[in-house]
């Protein structure tokens, strides 16, 4: 939940991989390595570093050059989530489905309660909106 007056904004990882750290700087411990299209919520800035929050509410620090605001990203909220060939459960699952929690995706379009997404390899699929965290 965002506090009124908060400067939080949605960011997407744009590089192939990104290190999320305990503090602002490369000398701080690496806590998590995330992949392209991981959505994060910017909390604050310290120099060239952003403090960010993930879908679980955990906070990390990452360098600003790793992020973009040019598109929206999404992350899977639970293990064994089905991705489909079209917007609805009548469409079959894509070959690379199901996927697990923290699988990150680029948002291509939203159609009612379904979201068309693309993974880092360029493969597209549809996912039910409640199953993902979009930023």
Protein backbone atom coordinates (compact mmCIF):
# COMPACT_ATOMS: atom_id res chain seq x y z
CA UNK A 1 0.00 0.00 0.00
CA UNK A 2 1.37 3.39 -0.96
CA UNK A 3 1.32 6.23 1.52
CA UNK A 4 -0.25 9.50 0.39
CA UNK A 5 2.39 11.86 -0.95
CA UNK A 6 4.71 8.96 -1.71
CA UNK A 7 7.12 9.31 -4.63
CA UNK A 8 6.78 5.63 -5.53
CA UNK A 9 6.79 4.90 -9.24
CA UNK A 10 6.73 1.80 -11.41
CA UNK A 11 10.00 0.63 -12.95
CA UNK A 12 11.05 -2.28 -15.16
CA UNK A 13 14.41 -4.02 -15.35
CA UNK A 14 15.69 -3.42 -18.90
CA UNK A 15 19.01 -5.30 -18.76
CA UNK A 16 19.40 -9.07 -19.15
CA UNK A 17 20.21 -9.43 -15.44
CA UNK A 18 20.28 -7.04 -12.48
CA UNK A 19 21.69 -7.31 -8.98
CA UNK A 20 19.46 -6.14 -6.16
CA UNK A 21 21.54 -5.09 -3.17
CA UNK A 22 21.25 -4.46 0.57
CA UNK A 23 22.32 -0.82 0.19
CA UNK A 24 23.08 1.86 -2.41
CA UNK A 25 26.41 0.84 -3.96
CA UNK A 26 28.31 -2.13 -5.38
CA UNK A 27 30.07 -2.71 -2.07
CA UNK A 28 26.75 -3.70 -0.50
CA UNK A 29 25.77 -7.37 -0.40
CA UNK A 30 23.94 -8.76 -3.45
CA UNK A 31 20.63 -10.14 -2.15
CA UNK A 32 18.93 -11.21 -5.39
CA UNK A 33 19.72 -11.41 -9.10
CA UNK A 34 16.63 -10.71 -11.20
CA UNK A 35 16.06 -11.05 -14.93
CA UNK A 36 14.83 -8.71 -17.64
CA UNK A 37 11.28 -7.35 -17.24
CA UNK A 38 11.15 -7.72 -13.45
CA UNK A 39 8.76 -5.01 -12.21
CA UNK A 40 9.72 -3.06 -9.12
CA UNK A 41 8.26 -0.08 -7.29
CA UNK A 42 10.69 2.82 -6.72
CA UNK A 43 10.56 4.05 -3.13
CA UNK A 44 13.38 6.59 -3.04
CA UNK A 45 16.64 7.65 -4.63
CA UNK A 46 20.13 8.08 -3.23
CA UNK A 47 22.52 9.42 -5.85
CA UNK A 48 22.42 7.07 -8.85
CA UNK A 49 20.73 4.31 -6.81
CA UNK A 50 17.04 3.53 -6.35
CA UNK A 51 15.53 1.81 -3.37
CA UNK A 52 12.85 -0.49 -4.76
CA UNK A 53 10.15 -2.83 -3.50
CA UNK A 54 9.15 -6.17 -5.06
CA UNK A 55 5.79 -7.95 -5.17
CA UNK A 56 6.35 -9.39 -1.68
CA UNK A 57 7.08 -5.94 -0.23
CA UNK A 58 10.79 -6.68 0.26
CA UNK A 59 13.14 -3.74 -0.39
CA UNK A 60 16.42 -3.63 -2.27
CA UNK A 61 18.77 -1.14 -3.93
CA UNK A 62 19.72 -1.10 -7.63
CA UNK A 63 21.51 1.29 -9.97
CA UNK A 64 19.23 3.60 -11.97
CA UNK A 65 20.75 2.55 -15.33
CA UNK A 66 19.13 -0.91 -14.92
CA UNK A 67 15.58 0.49 -15.16
CA UNK A 68 13.16 1.85 -17.73
CA UNK A 69 9.70 3.44 -17.54
CA UNK A 70 9.08 3.03 -21.30
CA UNK A 71 6.84 -0.02 -20.85
CA UNK A 72 5.04 -1.96 -18.13
CA UNK A 73 6.26 -5.23 -16.70
CA UNK A 74 4.63 -8.03 -14.73
CA UNK A 75 5.73 -10.87 -12.50
CA UNK A 76 3.99 -14.15 -11.72
CA UNK A 77 2.60 -14.24 -8.15
CA UNK A 78 2.49 -18.03 -7.58
CA UNK A 79 4.09 -21.28 -8.71
CA UNK A 80 2.54 -23.41 -11.48
CA UNK A 81 0.75 -20.50 -13.20
CA UNK A 82 -0.64 -21.35 -16.63
CA UNK A 83 0.07 -19.10 -19.59
CA UNK A 84 -2.28 -19.49 -22.54
CA UNK A 85 -2.37 -19.02 -26.31
CA UNK A 86 -5.28 -16.58 -26.05
CA UNK A 87 -7.29 -14.50 -23.54
CA UNK A 88 -9.36 -17.12 -21.72
CA UNK A 89 -9.32 -20.58 -20.15
CA UNK A 90 -10.71 -22.10 -23.38
CA UNK A 91 -7.32 -21.42 -25.00
CA UNK A 92 -4.70 -24.12 -24.51
CA UNK A 93 -1.57 -23.56 -22.42
CA UNK A 94 1.54 -22.45 -24.27
CA UNK A 95 4.31 -25.03 -24.62
CA UNK A 96 6.49 -23.36 -21.95
CA UNK A 97 3.71 -23.23 -19.37
CA UNK A 98 3.26 -23.47 -16.41
CA UNK A 99 5.72 -20.97 -14.95
CA UNK A 100 6.70 -20.29 -11.35
CA UNK A 101 6.59 -17.30 -9.02
CA UNK A 102 9.00 -14.46 -9.93
CA UNK A 103 8.91 -15.24 -13.67
CA UNK A 104 9.09 -11.75 -15.18
CA UNK A 105 7.33 -10.58 -18.33
CA UNK A 106 6.76 -7.49 -20.47
CA UNK A 107 3.12 -6.36 -20.71
CA UNK A 108 1.99 -6.12 -24.34
CA UNK A 109 -1.74 -5.44 -23.94
CA UNK A 110 -4.64 -5.87 -21.53
CA UNK A 111 -7.96 -7.32 -22.72
CA UNK A 112 -10.57 -7.36 -19.95
CA UNK A 113 -9.18 -9.64 -17.20
CA UNK A 114 -6.43 -11.06 -19.42
CA UNK A 115 -2.97 -9.71 -20.14
CA UNK A 116 -0.84 -10.50 -23.17
CA UNK A 117 2.78 -10.81 -22.06
CA UNK A 118 6.18 -11.48 -23.62
CA UNK A 119 9.15 -13.15 -21.96
CA UNK A 120 12.79 -12.19 -22.39
CA UNK A 121 13.15 -14.70 -25.27
CA UNK A 122 10.34 -12.95 -27.19
CA UNK A 123 7.72 -15.66 -26.66
CA UNK A 124 4.18 -14.37 -26.14
CA UNK A 125 1.29 -15.71 -24.06
CA UNK A 126 -1.80 -14.63 -22.15
CA UNK A 127 -2.25 -14.73 -18.36
CA UNK A 128 -5.25 -14.06 -16.12
CA UNK A 129 -4.79 -10.60 -14.55
CA UNK A 130 -5.19 -11.67 -10.86
CA UNK A 131 -2.22 -14.07 -11.25
CA UNK A 132 0.35 -11.33 -11.92
CA UNK A 133 1.73 -8.17 -10.28
CA UNK A 134 1.97 -5.36 -12.85
CA UNK A 135 4.07 -2.22 -12.48
